[in-house]
Amino acid sequence: MALERQAGNFAVAYKNANSEGKPARARDLLKERIKQGIDSDVCYPGAWTTESFSCIQGNIYGCLAEFNPLIPYAQTAVDVHKNNGEFYLTPDVLLNARPATAVILEIAKQDKSKPAYRKRVINLGKIQTHNVPTDSLADDNGILFLARSKNLAKEYGLFLRKKAGIPEIIFYLPPIQSQDYSRGFWLSSIGHGGRSGFSCGIRGLYRDDGSLFRVRGKESAEGAQKISLNKMTSSAD
């Protein structure tokens, strides 16, 4: 597997990563950080991945790429964030021709009995930003969801502790609000002051100094979806 960093705001970086490869998941970055080491490009700076986290009906939901409403409305989300707004999940924000909130809630219900690392959408309830010791990453459902593996979550935590001297990470989550909305996921850097935070509440999709990795090779991001970047005609906020 080879990772190629694509620079730009979320819409630009995702579009370029989706060309001649697949956009990277959080799992891909965790694996490559362990493989390449703390001085590698994949460790610094940080990067977006294909997952998102949404507040719906007062609960936090993590979504894989297939159910990430930011992907088909990437440019709209960029524009909204640039104006310091939220990407609200209004009825005209659709996934598979249905309201995104209905789809996300349906998949979360279907996957309720699955372990966190096998869920396509995970309901994290009213959980908020918290610290996780790096020797206990495999005990956190949000991290398990992103890593897609207990072993990888544990291995990444030990990598941070032993190779980077990081005793704990911060798992950032979007605040609970009365209106449904979605934010992106950013895996923070290691080194240069970076502590590998798991930033699940990113509202900076407009930043031109952002990036997202393109994955090439046989192991390329299975399950990552090539979703077209449609521009929503109505306002997101």
Protein backbone atom coordinates (compact mmCIF):
# COMPACT_ATOMS: atom_id res chain seq x y z
CA MET A 1 0.00 0.00 0.00
CA ALA A 2 1.29 3.45 -0.93
CA LEU A 3 -0.06 6.73 0.45
CA GLU A 4 0.16 9.99 -1.50
CA ARG A 5 -0.76 13.21 0.29
CA GLN A 6 -3.26 15.42 -1.58
CA ALA A 7 -3.25 19.02 -0.36
CA GLY A 8 -6.08 21.55 -0.26
CA ASN A 9 -9.41 22.09 1.41
CA PHE A 10 -11.55 19.01 2.02
CA ALA A 11 -13.38 19.18 -1.32
CA VAL A 12 -10.18 19.60 -3.35
CA ALA A 13 -8.18 17.04 -1.39
CA TYR A 14 -10.96 14.44 -1.51
CA LYS A 15 -11.50 14.89 -5.24
CA ASN A 16 -7.80 14.45 -5.96
CA ALA A 17 -7.48 11.49 -3.60
CA ASN A 18 -10.47 9.85 -5.30
CA SER A 19 -8.67 10.10 -8.65
CA GLU A 20 -6.38 7.20 -9.60
CA GLY A 21 -6.78 5.61 -6.19
CA LYS A 22 -9.01 5.68 -3.12
CA PRO A 23 -9.22 8.23 -0.30
CA ALA A 24 -7.60 6.97 2.89
CA ARG A 25 -9.51 5.82 5.94
CA ALA A 26 -8.28 6.38 9.48
CA ARG A 27 -7.25 2.72 9.55
CA ASP A 28 -4.91 3.25 6.60
CA LEU A 29 -3.11 6.10 8.35
CA LEU A 30 -2.77 4.19 11.62
CA LYS A 31 -1.21 1.21 9.84
CA GLU A 32 1.19 3.32 7.80
CA ARG A 33 2.29 5.42 10.77
CA ILE A 34 3.31 2.26 12.58
CA LYS A 35 5.05 0.92 9.47
CA GLN A 36 6.85 4.11 8.41
CA GLY A 37 7.70 5.57 11.83
CA ILE A 38 7.26 8.89 13.58
CA ASP A 39 9.47 10.87 11.21
CA SER A 40 7.46 9.95 8.10
CA ASP A 41 5.19 12.15 5.97
CA VAL A 42 2.13 10.22 7.12
CA CYS A 43 2.82 11.37 10.70
CA TYR A 44 3.29 15.07 10.01
CA PRO A 45 1.24 17.06 9.32
CA GLY A 46 -2.12 15.52 10.15
CA ALA A 47 -4.80 14.69 7.58
CA TRP A 48 -8.49 14.20 7.00
CA THR A 49 -9.84 10.73 6.37
CA THR A 50 -13.10 9.42 4.91
CA GLU A 51 -15.00 9.10 8.19
CA SER A 52 -17.30 11.71 9.73
CA PHE A 53 -19.08 12.27 13.03
CA SER A 54 -22.59 13.67 13.27
CA CYS A 55 -24.87 14.88 16.03
CA ILE A 56 -28.35 13.50 15.31
CA GLN A 57 -31.28 13.72 17.74
CA GLY A 58 -28.87 14.47 20.57
CA ASN A 59 -26.53 11.52 20.00
CA ILE A 60 -23.13 11.25 18.31
CA TYR A 61 -22.83 8.95 15.29
CA GLY A 62 -19.63 7.90 13.58
CA CYS A 63 -19.99 7.07 9.88
CA LEU A 64 -17.77 5.24 7.41
CA ALA A 65 -17.32 6.75 3.95
CA GLU A 66 -20.42 5.11 2.46
CA PHE A 67 -22.61 6.94 4.98
CA ASN A 68 -20.58 10.14 5.37
CA PRO A 69 -22.85 13.02 4.24
CA LEU A 70 -19.87 15.37 3.90
CA ILE A 71 -18.52 13.47 0.89
CA PRO A 72 -21.32 14.06 -1.66
CA TYR A 73 -21.67 17.64 -0.39
CA ALA A 74 -17.99 18.38 0.11
CA GLN A 75 -17.92 21.81 -1.54
CA THR A 76 -21.06 22.90 0.29
CA ALA A 77 -19.51 21.83 3.60
CA VAL A 78 -16.31 23.74 2.75
CA ASP A 79 -18.30 26.89 1.95
CA VAL A 80 -20.37 26.64 5.13
CA HIS A 81 -17.30 26.16 7.33
CA LYS A 82 -15.56 29.05 5.62
CA ASN A 83 -18.40 31.26 6.83
CA ASN A 84 -18.07 29.83 10.37
CA GLY A 85 -21.28 27.84 10.03
CA GLU A 86 -22.28 24.20 10.50
CA PHE A 87 -23.12 21.63 7.85
CA TYR A 88 -26.65 20.98 9.05
CA LEU A 89 -28.32 17.73 8.07
CA THR A 90 -31.48 19.29 6.68
CA PRO A 91 -34.06 17.10 4.86
CA ASP A 92 -32.53 17.97 1.48
CA VAL A 93 -29.13 16.51 2.42
CA LEU A 94 -29.44 13.08 0.86
CA LEU A 95 -27.67 9.72 0.88
CA ASN A 96 -28.85 7.23 -1.73
CA ALA A 97 -31.77 9.56 -2.58
CA ARG A 98 -33.02 9.54 1.03
CA PRO A 99 -32.56 12.03 3.88
CA ALA A 100 -29.09 11.45 5.31
CA THR A 101 -30.30 11.41 8.92
CA ALA A 102 -32.79 8.62 8.16
CA VAL A 103 -30.12 6.53 6.46
CA ILE A 104 -27.58 7.02 9.27
CA LEU A 105 -30.12 6.10 11.96
CA GLU A 106 -31.25 3.05 9.99
CA ILE A 107 -27.72 1.68 9.50
CA ALA A 108 -26.86 2.33 13.16
CA LYS A 109 -29.90 0.28 14.15
CA GLN A 110 -28.99 -2.53 11.74
CA ASP A 111 -25.44 -2.66 13.12
CA LYS A 112 -26.37 -2.27 16.79
CA SER A 113 -25.38 -5.82 17.77
CA LYS A 114 -22.06 -5.79 15.90
CA PRO A 115 -18.78 -5.04 17.68
CA ALA A 116 -17.59 -1.44 17.28
CA TYR A 117 -14.87 -2.36 14.78
CA ARG A 118 -17.42 -3.96 12.44
CA LYS A 119 -20.08 -1.26 12.50
CA ARG A 120 -20.65 0.90 9.42
CA VAL A 121 -22.34 3.53 11.57
CA ILE A 122 -21.79 3.63 15.32
CA ASN A 123 -24.04 5.29 17.89
CA LEU A 124 -21.73 6.69 20.56
CA GLY A 125 -24.59 8.17 22.54
CA LYS A 126 -23.93 11.43 24.36
CA ILE A 127 -20.21 10.83 24.74
CA GLN A 128 -18.05 13.93 24.63
CA THR A 129 -14.39 14.84 24.28
CA HIS A 130 -12.21 12.72 26.57
CA ASN A 131 -8.67 11.48 27.15
CA VAL A 132 -7.65 7.90 26.36
CA PRO A 133 -4.41 6.36 27.69
CA THR A 134 -2.35 5.04 24.80
CA ASP A 135 -2.15 1.61 26.42
CA SER A 136 -5.96 1.45 26.38
CA LEU A 137 -6.93 2.57 22.86
CA ALA A 138 -8.55 -0.82 22.22
CA ASP A 139 -10.99 -0.13 25.07
CA ASP A 140 -12.49 2.97 23.41
CA ASN A 141 -15.41 2.29 21.06
CA GLY A 142 -14.78 5.37 18.94
CA ILE A 143 -11.17 4.39 18.33
CA LEU A 144 -12.16 0.78 17.65
CA PHE A 145 -14.66 2.02 15.07
CA LEU A 146 -11.95 4.01 13.28
CA ALA A 147 -9.22 1.38 13.56
CA ARG A 148 -11.55 -1.44 12.40
CA SER A 149 -9.53 -3.84 14.56
CA LYS A 150 -8.78 -4.37 18.24
CA ASN A 151 -5.25 -5.44 17.40
CA LEU A 152 -4.56 -2.32 15.33
CA ALA A 153 -5.96 -0.02 18.02
CA LYS A 154 -3.73 -1.67 20.61
CA GLU A 155 -0.69 -1.66 18.31
CA TYR A 156 -1.13 2.03 17.45
CA GLY A 157 -1.43 2.94 21.11
CA LEU A 158 1.78 1.11 21.97
CA PHE A 159 3.48 2.78 18.99
CA LEU A 160 2.51 6.20 20.35
CA ARG A 161 3.63 5.31 23.87
CA LYS A 162 6.94 3.64 23.02
CA LYS A 163 8.07 5.47 19.89
CA ALA A 164 6.64 8.96 20.43
CA GLY A 165 6.46 9.11 24.22
CA ILE A 166 2.75 9.98 24.17
CA PRO A 167 0.99 8.64 27.31
CA GLU A 168 -2.54 9.58 26.25
CA ILE A 169 -4.45 11.05 23.34
CA ILE A 170 -7.47 13.33 23.25
CA PHE A 171 -10.53 11.98 21.46
CA TYR A 172 -12.31 15.16 20.36
CA LEU A 173 -16.04 14.97 19.60
CA PRO A 174 -18.57 17.47 18.26
CA PRO A 175 -20.76 19.15 20.89
CA ILE A 176 -24.35 18.06 21.38
CA GLN A 177 -26.75 20.50 19.72
CA SER A 178 -30.48 20.61 19.11
CA GLN A 179 -29.99 20.69 15.33
CA ASP A 180 -28.56 17.73 13.42
CA TYR A 181 -25.18 18.42 11.83
CA SER A 182 -22.01 16.71 10.63
CA ARG A 183 -18.28 17.34 11.01
CA GLY A 184 -15.20 15.70 9.52
CA PHE A 185 -12.46 13.56 11.04
CA TRP A 186 -8.83 14.70 11.25
CA LEU A 187 -6.02 12.51 12.57
CA SER A 188 -3.63 14.95 14.21
CA SER A 189 0.11 14.89 13.66
CA ILE A 190 2.86 13.26 15.67
CA GLY A 191 5.80 15.52 16.46
CA HIS A 192 6.20 19.29 16.08
CA GLY A 193 3.84 19.63 19.03
CA GLY A 194 1.32 17.14 17.62
CA ARG A 195 -0.02 14.50 20.01
CA SER A 196 -1.96 12.33 17.53
CA GLY A 197 -5.34 13.58 18.69
CA PHE A 198 -8.41 11.93 17.16
CA SER A 199 -10.32 15.03 16.05
CA CYS A 200 -13.87 13.90 15.30
CA GLY A 201 -15.36 17.38 15.43
CA ILE A 202 -13.40 19.25 12.77
CA ARG A 203 -15.13 22.38 11.45
CA GLY A 204 -12.19 23.56 9.35
CA LEU A 205 -12.90 21.79 6.07
CA TYR A 206 -12.27 25.07 4.23
CA ARG A 207 -8.60 25.26 5.18
CA ASP A 208 -6.32 25.23 2.15
CA ASP A 209 -3.46 23.85 4.25
CA GLY A 210 -5.41 20.64 4.86
CA SER A 211 -4.79 17.31 3.17
CA LEU A 212 -6.15 13.83 2.57
CA PHE A 213 -4.16 10.80 1.42
CA ARG A 214 -4.71 8.87 -1.79
CA VAL A 215 -4.22 5.11 -1.36
CA ARG A 216 -2.72 3.01 -4.12
CA GLY A 217 -1.94 -0.69 -4.23
CA LYS A 218 -3.60 -4.04 -3.57
CA GLU A 219 -4.40 -3.15 0.04
CA SER A 220 -6.03 0.13 -0.95
CA ALA A 221 -8.75 1.17 1.48
CA GLU A 222 -11.25 -1.64 1.08
CA GLY A 223 -14.70 -0.29 1.74
CA ALA A 224 -13.81 3.29 0.85
CA GLN A 225 -16.44 4.52 -1.55
CA LYS A 226 -15.93 6.44 -4.79
CA ILE A 227 -18.78 8.85 -4.13
CA SER A 228 -19.30 11.68 -6.56
CA LEU A 229 -18.94 15.22 -5.30
CA ASN A 230 -22.39 16.66 -5.96
CA LYS A 231 -23.08 20.27 -5.18
CA MET A 232 -26.20 20.80 -3.11
CA THR A 233 -28.42 23.41 -4.69
CA SER A 234 -30.06 24.62 -1.48
CA SER A 235 -28.31 26.18 1.49
CA ALA A 236 -26.91 23.80 4.09
CA ASP A 237 -27.50 26.17 6.99
